[in-house]
Amino acid sequence: KKIFDEIINIDFDYIIAVGGGKIIDTSKLLKYFFAKKKKQKNLTVWPTLFGSGSEFTSSCVSYRNKRKTSIESNLMIPTNILYDFSIAKQAKRKYIIDAALDCLCQSLESIWSKKIIRKVLTFLKKA
């Protein structure tokens, strides 16, 4: 919310999220806040190591006063998703293993969710 309040009056069309879950969720939340103010923004998401399906979803996690909150809205679904594993190829083995295990856990959690999006399920089964 603090970031949103600082950029609400800046004229731009795109939000680009390059990073992991926290970056992607923050960007989805910004897209949501802009949509609520009738200012549509395109959101391009680029997971830096491995995507786990969260880049497809209509939900995000946010922390407020150290409390975890899940927010869900179709207003935050990314417009575009980019995959380029050249960053992962340059990462240290430890980070690749950590990211791959996190991706696996996130993917399993998504598959088992009652709210699974069929497009995400198709993607996860291919991975």
N, C-alpha and C. Protein backbone atom coordinates (compact mmCIF):
# COMPACT_ATOMS: atom_id res chain seq x y z
N LYS A 1 0.83 -1.19 0.00
CA LYS A 1 0.00 0.00 0.00
C LYS A 1 0.87 1.25 0.00
N LYS A 2 1.96 1.20 0.75
CA LYS A 2 2.86 2.35 0.80
C LYS A 2 3.47 2.64 -0.58
N ILE A 3 3.91 1.58 -1.26
CA ILE A 3 4.46 1.74 -2.61
C ILE A 3 3.39 2.31 -3.54
N PHE A 4 2.19 1.76 -3.46
CA PHE A 4 1.09 2.22 -4.31
C PHE A 4 0.82 3.71 -4.10
N ASP A 5 0.76 4.15 -2.86
CA ASP A 5 0.50 5.56 -2.56
C ASP A 5 1.57 6.47 -3.14
N GLU A 6 2.81 5.95 -3.25
CA GLU A 6 3.90 6.76 -3.80
C GLU A 6 3.86 6.85 -5.32
N ILE A 7 3.26 5.86 -5.99
CA ILE A 7 3.30 5.85 -7.46
C ILE A 7 1.94 6.07 -8.12
N ILE A 8 0.90 6.27 -7.36
CA ILE A 8 -0.46 6.38 -7.90
C ILE A 8 -0.58 7.45 -8.98
N ASN A 9 0.15 8.55 -8.86
CA ASN A 9 0.01 9.65 -9.81
C ASN A 9 1.05 9.66 -10.92
N ILE A 10 1.89 8.64 -10.98
CA ILE A 10 2.88 8.53 -12.06
C ILE A 10 2.21 7.86 -13.26
N ASP A 11 2.43 8.43 -14.44
CA ASP A 11 1.81 7.90 -15.66
C ASP A 11 2.68 6.81 -16.27
N PHE A 12 2.21 5.57 -16.22
CA PHE A 12 2.88 4.45 -16.86
C PHE A 12 1.84 3.38 -17.18
N ASP A 13 2.19 2.47 -18.08
CA ASP A 13 1.24 1.45 -18.53
C ASP A 13 1.58 0.05 -18.04
N TYR A 14 2.86 -0.20 -17.75
CA TYR A 14 3.29 -1.56 -17.45
C TYR A 14 3.94 -1.69 -16.08
N ILE A 15 3.68 -2.82 -15.47
CA ILE A 15 4.40 -3.24 -14.27
C ILE A 15 5.16 -4.49 -14.71
N ILE A 16 6.45 -4.52 -14.44
CA ILE A 16 7.26 -5.67 -14.80
C ILE A 16 7.86 -6.25 -13.52
N ALA A 17 7.57 -7.51 -13.27
CA ALA A 17 8.05 -8.19 -12.07
C ALA A 17 9.12 -9.20 -12.47
N VAL A 18 10.35 -8.94 -12.05
CA VAL A 18 11.45 -9.87 -12.31
C VAL A 18 11.93 -10.36 -10.96
N GLY A 19 11.68 -11.62 -10.66
CA GLY A 19 12.10 -12.13 -9.36
C GLY A 19 11.32 -13.33 -8.93
N GLY A 20 11.28 -13.51 -7.63
CA GLY A 20 10.61 -14.65 -7.03
C GLY A 20 9.23 -14.30 -6.52
N GLY A 21 8.74 -15.12 -5.61
CA GLY A 21 7.37 -15.01 -5.13
C GLY A 21 7.00 -13.67 -4.52
N LYS A 22 7.87 -13.12 -3.68
CA LYS A 22 7.55 -11.84 -3.02
C LYS A 22 7.44 -10.71 -4.05
N ILE A 23 8.35 -10.69 -5.00
CA ILE A 23 8.32 -9.66 -6.05
C ILE A 23 7.06 -9.82 -6.90
N ILE A 24 6.78 -11.05 -7.30
CA ILE A 24 5.61 -11.31 -8.14
C ILE A 24 4.32 -10.96 -7.40
N ASP A 25 4.21 -11.37 -6.14
CA ASP A 25 3.01 -11.07 -5.35
C ASP A 25 2.83 -9.58 -5.13
N THR A 26 3.92 -8.87 -4.87
CA THR A 26 3.84 -7.41 -4.69
C THR A 26 3.35 -6.75 -5.97
N SER A 27 3.86 -7.20 -7.11
CA SER A 27 3.46 -6.63 -8.40
C SER A 27 1.99 -6.93 -8.70
N LYS A 28 1.55 -8.14 -8.37
CA LYS A 28 0.14 -8.49 -8.57
C LYS A 28 -0.75 -7.62 -7.70
N LEU A 29 -0.30 -7.36 -6.50
CA LEU A 29 -1.06 -6.51 -5.59
C LEU A 29 -1.12 -5.08 -6.11
N LEU A 30 -0.03 -4.57 -6.66
CA LEU A 30 -0.04 -3.23 -7.26
C LEU A 30 -1.02 -3.17 -8.42
N LYS A 31 -1.01 -4.18 -9.27
CA LYS A 31 -1.96 -4.22 -10.39
C LYS A 31 -3.39 -4.18 -9.86
N TYR A 32 -3.64 -4.91 -8.80
CA TYR A 32 -4.96 -4.94 -8.17
C TYR A 32 -5.37 -3.55 -7.65
N PHE A 33 -4.47 -2.88 -6.92
CA PHE A 33 -4.77 -1.55 -6.39
C PHE A 33 -5.07 -0.56 -7.51
N PHE A 34 -4.28 -0.61 -8.60
CA PHE A 34 -4.55 0.28 -9.73
C PHE A 34 -5.91 -0.02 -10.36
N ALA A 35 -6.24 -1.28 -10.53
CA ALA A 35 -7.53 -1.66 -11.12
C ALA A 35 -8.69 -1.16 -10.27
N LYS A 36 -8.54 -1.21 -8.95
CA LYS A 36 -9.59 -0.72 -8.05
C LYS A 36 -9.81 0.78 -8.21
N LYS A 37 -8.77 1.49 -8.65
CA LYS A 37 -8.85 2.95 -8.90
C LYS A 37 -9.15 3.25 -10.36
N LYS A 38 -9.57 2.21 -11.11
CA LYS A 38 -9.92 2.34 -12.54
C LYS A 38 -8.73 2.77 -13.39
N LYS A 39 -7.54 2.36 -13.00
CA LYS A 39 -6.32 2.63 -13.77
C LYS A 39 -5.71 1.28 -14.12
N GLN A 40 -6.05 0.77 -15.29
CA GLN A 40 -5.59 -0.55 -15.69
C GLN A 40 -4.10 -0.53 -16.03
N LYS A 41 -3.39 -1.53 -15.54
CA LYS A 41 -1.96 -1.68 -15.82
C LYS A 41 -1.71 -3.10 -16.33
N ASN A 42 -0.84 -3.22 -17.31
CA ASN A 42 -0.41 -4.52 -17.78
C ASN A 42 0.68 -5.02 -16.85
N LEU A 43 0.63 -6.30 -16.53
CA LEU A 43 1.63 -6.89 -15.64
C LEU A 43 2.35 -8.01 -16.37
N THR A 44 3.65 -7.85 -16.53
CA THR A 44 4.49 -8.90 -17.09
C THR A 44 5.31 -9.49 -15.96
N VAL A 45 5.26 -10.81 -15.84
CA VAL A 45 5.94 -11.52 -14.76
C VAL A 45 7.06 -12.37 -15.35
N TRP A 46 8.24 -12.27 -14.76
CA TRP A 46 9.40 -13.03 -15.21
C TRP A 46 10.04 -13.70 -14.01
N PRO A 47 9.64 -14.95 -13.73
CA PRO A 47 10.28 -15.67 -12.62
C PRO A 47 11.77 -15.87 -12.92
N THR A 48 12.63 -15.54 -11.97
CA THR A 48 14.07 -15.55 -12.25
C THR A 48 14.70 -16.93 -12.25
N LEU A 49 14.21 -17.85 -11.43
CA LEU A 49 14.79 -19.19 -11.45
C LEU A 49 13.79 -20.18 -12.05
N PHE A 50 12.77 -20.53 -11.30
CA PHE A 50 11.78 -21.49 -11.79
C PHE A 50 10.40 -21.00 -11.37
N GLY A 51 9.46 -21.06 -12.27
CA GLY A 51 8.09 -20.72 -11.92
C GLY A 51 7.42 -21.92 -11.26
N SER A 52 6.51 -21.63 -10.35
CA SER A 52 5.82 -22.73 -9.65
C SER A 52 4.32 -22.73 -9.93
N GLY A 53 3.89 -21.84 -10.79
CA GLY A 53 2.46 -21.73 -11.08
C GLY A 53 1.85 -20.48 -10.48
N SER A 54 2.52 -19.88 -9.50
CA SER A 54 1.96 -18.67 -8.89
C SER A 54 1.88 -17.52 -9.88
N GLU A 55 2.70 -17.59 -10.92
CA GLU A 55 2.67 -16.53 -11.92
C GLU A 55 1.40 -16.58 -12.77
N PHE A 56 0.61 -17.64 -12.64
CA PHE A 56 -0.66 -17.76 -13.36
C PHE A 56 -1.87 -17.35 -12.52
N THR A 57 -1.73 -17.34 -11.23
CA THR A 57 -2.89 -17.32 -10.34
C THR A 57 -3.49 -15.93 -10.10
N SER A 58 -4.69 -15.96 -9.55
CA SER A 58 -5.41 -14.72 -9.22
C SER A 58 -5.30 -14.42 -7.73
N SER A 59 -4.26 -14.94 -7.09
CA SER A 59 -4.09 -14.69 -5.66
C SER A 59 -2.66 -14.30 -5.35
N CYS A 60 -2.48 -13.69 -4.21
CA CYS A 60 -1.15 -13.34 -3.74
C CYS A 60 -1.13 -13.35 -2.22
N VAL A 61 0.05 -13.35 -1.68
CA VAL A 61 0.24 -13.30 -0.24
C VAL A 61 0.80 -11.93 0.10
N SER A 62 0.28 -11.37 1.17
CA SER A 62 0.73 -10.07 1.63
C SER A 62 0.89 -10.13 3.15
N TYR A 63 1.79 -9.33 3.67
CA TYR A 63 1.98 -9.25 5.11
C TYR A 63 1.60 -7.86 5.59
N ARG A 64 0.79 -7.82 6.61
CA ARG A 64 0.38 -6.55 7.21
C ARG A 64 0.50 -6.70 8.72
N ASN A 65 1.31 -5.85 9.32
CA ASN A 65 1.59 -5.95 10.75
C ASN A 65 2.06 -7.35 11.12
N LYS A 66 2.94 -7.90 10.28
CA LYS A 66 3.55 -9.23 10.47
C LYS A 66 2.54 -10.38 10.39
N ARG A 67 1.36 -10.12 9.87
CA ARG A 67 0.36 -11.17 9.69
C ARG A 67 0.22 -11.48 8.20
N LYS A 68 0.27 -12.76 7.89
CA LYS A 68 0.15 -13.22 6.51
C LYS A 68 -1.31 -13.19 6.09
N THR A 69 -1.56 -12.58 4.94
CA THR A 69 -2.91 -12.48 4.40
C THR A 69 -2.89 -12.95 2.95
N SER A 70 -3.86 -13.75 2.58
CA SER A 70 -4.02 -14.14 1.17
C SER A 70 -5.11 -13.28 0.56
N ILE A 71 -4.82 -12.76 -0.62
CA ILE A 71 -5.76 -11.91 -1.33
C ILE A 71 -6.03 -12.56 -2.68
N GLU A 72 -7.28 -12.58 -3.07
CA GLU A 72 -7.64 -13.21 -4.34
C GLU A 72 -8.55 -12.30 -5.15
N SER A 73 -8.19 -12.10 -6.42
CA SER A 73 -9.00 -11.32 -7.33
C SER A 73 -8.51 -11.53 -8.75
N ASN A 74 -9.44 -11.63 -9.68
CA ASN A 74 -9.05 -11.74 -11.09
C ASN A 74 -8.37 -10.48 -11.59
N LEU A 75 -8.47 -9.39 -10.83
CA LEU A 75 -7.85 -8.13 -11.23
C LEU A 75 -6.32 -8.19 -11.17
N MET A 76 -5.77 -9.20 -10.52
CA MET A 76 -4.31 -9.26 -10.37
C MET A 76 -3.65 -10.32 -11.24
N ILE A 77 -4.41 -10.95 -12.11
CA ILE A 77 -3.81 -11.96 -12.99
C ILE A 77 -2.84 -11.28 -13.96
N PRO A 78 -1.61 -11.79 -14.06
CA PRO A 78 -0.64 -11.17 -14.97
C PRO A 78 -1.10 -11.19 -16.42
N THR A 79 -0.69 -10.18 -17.16
CA THR A 79 -1.00 -10.06 -18.57
C THR A 79 -0.09 -10.97 -19.40
N ASN A 80 1.19 -11.01 -19.03
CA ASN A 80 2.19 -11.80 -19.75
C ASN A 80 3.09 -12.52 -18.75
N ILE A 81 3.60 -13.66 -19.18
CA ILE A 81 4.56 -14.40 -18.36
C ILE A 81 5.75 -14.75 -19.25
N LEU A 82 6.94 -14.44 -18.78
CA LEU A 82 8.16 -14.74 -19.53
C LEU A 82 8.95 -15.81 -18.79
N TYR A 83 9.46 -16.76 -19.53
CA TYR A 83 10.36 -17.76 -18.97
C TYR A 83 11.67 -17.69 -19.73
N ASP A 84 12.74 -17.49 -19.01
CA ASP A 84 14.08 -17.47 -19.59
C ASP A 84 15.00 -18.07 -18.53
N PHE A 85 15.42 -19.28 -18.77
CA PHE A 85 16.19 -19.99 -17.75
C PHE A 85 17.68 -19.68 -17.80
N SER A 86 18.07 -18.64 -18.56
CA SER A 86 19.48 -18.28 -18.62
C SER A 86 19.98 -17.79 -17.26
N ILE A 87 19.11 -17.16 -16.48
CA ILE A 87 19.51 -16.72 -15.14
C ILE A 87 19.77 -17.95 -14.27
N ALA A 88 18.89 -18.93 -14.34
CA ALA A 88 19.05 -20.15 -13.54
C ALA A 88 20.35 -20.87 -13.90
N LYS A 89 20.72 -20.85 -15.16
CA LYS A 89 21.95 -21.52 -15.59
C LYS A 89 23.19 -20.87 -14.99
N GLN A 90 23.08 -19.59 -14.62
CA GLN A 90 24.22 -18.87 -14.07
C GLN A 90 24.28 -18.94 -12.54
N ALA A 91 23.21 -19.41 -11.92
CA ALA A 91 23.14 -19.44 -10.46
C ALA A 91 24.01 -20.55 -9.89
N LYS A 92 24.40 -20.35 -8.64
CA LYS A 92 25.17 -21.38 -7.95
C LYS A 92 24.28 -22.60 -7.73
N ARG A 93 24.90 -23.77 -7.70
CA ARG A 93 24.19 -25.04 -7.56
C ARG A 93 23.27 -25.03 -6.34
N LYS A 94 23.73 -24.48 -5.22
CA LYS A 94 22.92 -24.43 -4.00
C LYS A 94 21.61 -23.68 -4.23
N TYR A 95 21.67 -22.57 -4.94
CA TYR A 95 20.47 -21.78 -5.20
C TYR A 95 19.53 -22.51 -6.16
N ILE A 96 20.12 -23.20 -7.13
CA ILE A 96 19.30 -23.96 -8.08
C ILE A 96 18.54 -25.07 -7.34
N ILE A 97 19.25 -25.78 -6.47
CA ILE A 97 18.61 -26.86 -5.70
C ILE A 97 17.52 -26.30 -4.79
N ASP A 98 17.83 -25.23 -4.06
CA ASP A 98 16.84 -24.60 -3.18
C ASP A 98 15.61 -24.15 -3.96
N ALA A 99 15.84 -23.49 -5.09
CA ALA A 99 14.73 -22.98 -5.90
C ALA A 99 13.92 -24.12 -6.51
N ALA A 100 14.60 -25.17 -6.96
CA ALA A 100 13.90 -26.31 -7.55
C ALA A 100 13.04 -27.02 -6.50
N LEU A 101 13.55 -27.19 -5.29
CA LEU A 101 12.77 -27.82 -4.23
C LEU A 101 11.58 -26.95 -3.82
N ASP A 102 11.80 -25.65 -3.75
CA ASP A 102 10.71 -24.72 -3.44
C ASP A 102 9.64 -24.78 -4.52
N CYS A 103 10.08 -24.82 -5.77
CA CYS A 103 9.16 -24.92 -6.90
C CYS A 103 8.35 -26.20 -6.82
N LEU A 104 9.01 -27.30 -6.51
CA LEU A 104 8.32 -28.57 -6.38
C LEU A 104 7.26 -28.51 -5.28
N CYS A 105 7.63 -27.98 -4.12
CA CYS A 105 6.68 -27.87 -3.00
C CYS A 105 5.50 -26.97 -3.36
N GLN A 106 5.79 -25.82 -3.97
CA GLN A 106 4.72 -24.90 -4.36
C GLN A 106 3.81 -25.55 -5.40
N SER A 107 4.41 -26.28 -6.32
CA SER A 107 3.63 -26.94 -7.36
C SER A 107 2.70 -27.99 -6.77
N LEU A 108 3.23 -28.80 -5.85
CA LEU A 108 2.39 -29.82 -5.20
C LEU A 108 1.25 -29.17 -4.42
N GLU A 109 1.57 -28.09 -3.72
CA GLU A 109 0.53 -27.37 -2.98
C GLU A 109 -0.55 -26.85 -3.91
N SER A 110 -0.15 -26.35 -5.07
CA SER A 110 -1.12 -25.85 -6.06
C SER A 110 -1.97 -26.98 -6.61
N ILE A 111 -1.33 -28.11 -6.92
CA ILE A 111 -2.07 -29.25 -7.47
C ILE A 111 -3.12 -29.74 -6.48
N TRP A 112 -2.79 -29.75 -5.19
CA TRP A 112 -3.69 -30.26 -4.16
C TRP A 112 -4.76 -29.25 -3.75
N SER A 113 -4.60 -28.00 -4.19
CA SER A 113 -5.55 -26.96 -3.80
C SER A 113 -6.93 -27.20 -4.42
N LYS A 114 -7.96 -26.92 -3.66
CA LYS A 114 -9.33 -27.03 -4.17
C LYS A 114 -9.63 -25.94 -5.20
N LYS A 115 -8.82 -24.89 -5.20
CA LYS A 115 -9.05 -23.75 -6.10
C LYS A 115 -8.13 -23.78 -7.33
N ILE A 116 -7.60 -24.95 -7.65
CA ILE A 116 -6.65 -25.05 -8.76
C ILE A 116 -7.26 -24.54 -10.06
N ILE A 117 -6.50 -23.79 -10.78
CA ILE A 117 -6.90 -23.29 -12.09
C ILE A 117 -6.44 -24.32 -13.12
N ARG A 118 -7.32 -24.76 -13.99
CA ARG A 118 -7.01 -25.82 -14.94
C ARG A 118 -5.76 -25.51 -15.77
N LYS A 119 -5.58 -24.24 -16.14
CA LYS A 119 -4.40 -23.84 -16.93
C LYS A 119 -3.13 -24.08 -16.12
N VAL A 120 -3.17 -23.81 -14.82
CA VAL A 120 -2.02 -24.03 -13.95
C VAL A 120 -1.75 -25.53 -13.85
N LEU A 121 -2.80 -26.32 -13.67
CA LEU A 121 -2.65 -27.76 -13.54
C LEU A 121 -2.00 -28.35 -14.79
N THR A 122 -2.41 -27.90 -15.97
CA THR A 122 -1.82 -28.38 -17.22
C THR A 122 -0.34 -28.04 -17.26
N PHE A 123 0.00 -26.81 -16.87
CA PHE A 123 1.39 -26.38 -16.85
C PHE A 123 2.21 -27.20 -15.86
N LEU A 124 1.68 -27.41 -14.67
CA LEU A 124 2.41 -28.14 -13.63
C LEU A 124 2.63 -29.60 -14.01
N LYS A 125 1.67 -30.19 -14.68
CA LYS A 125 1.84 -31.59 -15.10
C LYS A 125 2.94 -31.73 -16.14
N LYS A 126 3.15 -30.69 -16.95
CA LYS A 126 4.21 -30.72 -17.95
C LYS A 126 5.58 -30.58 -17.30
N ALA A 127 5.64 -29.84 -16.20
CA ALA A 127 6.91 -29.60 -15.50
C ALA A 127 7.33 -30.84 -14.78
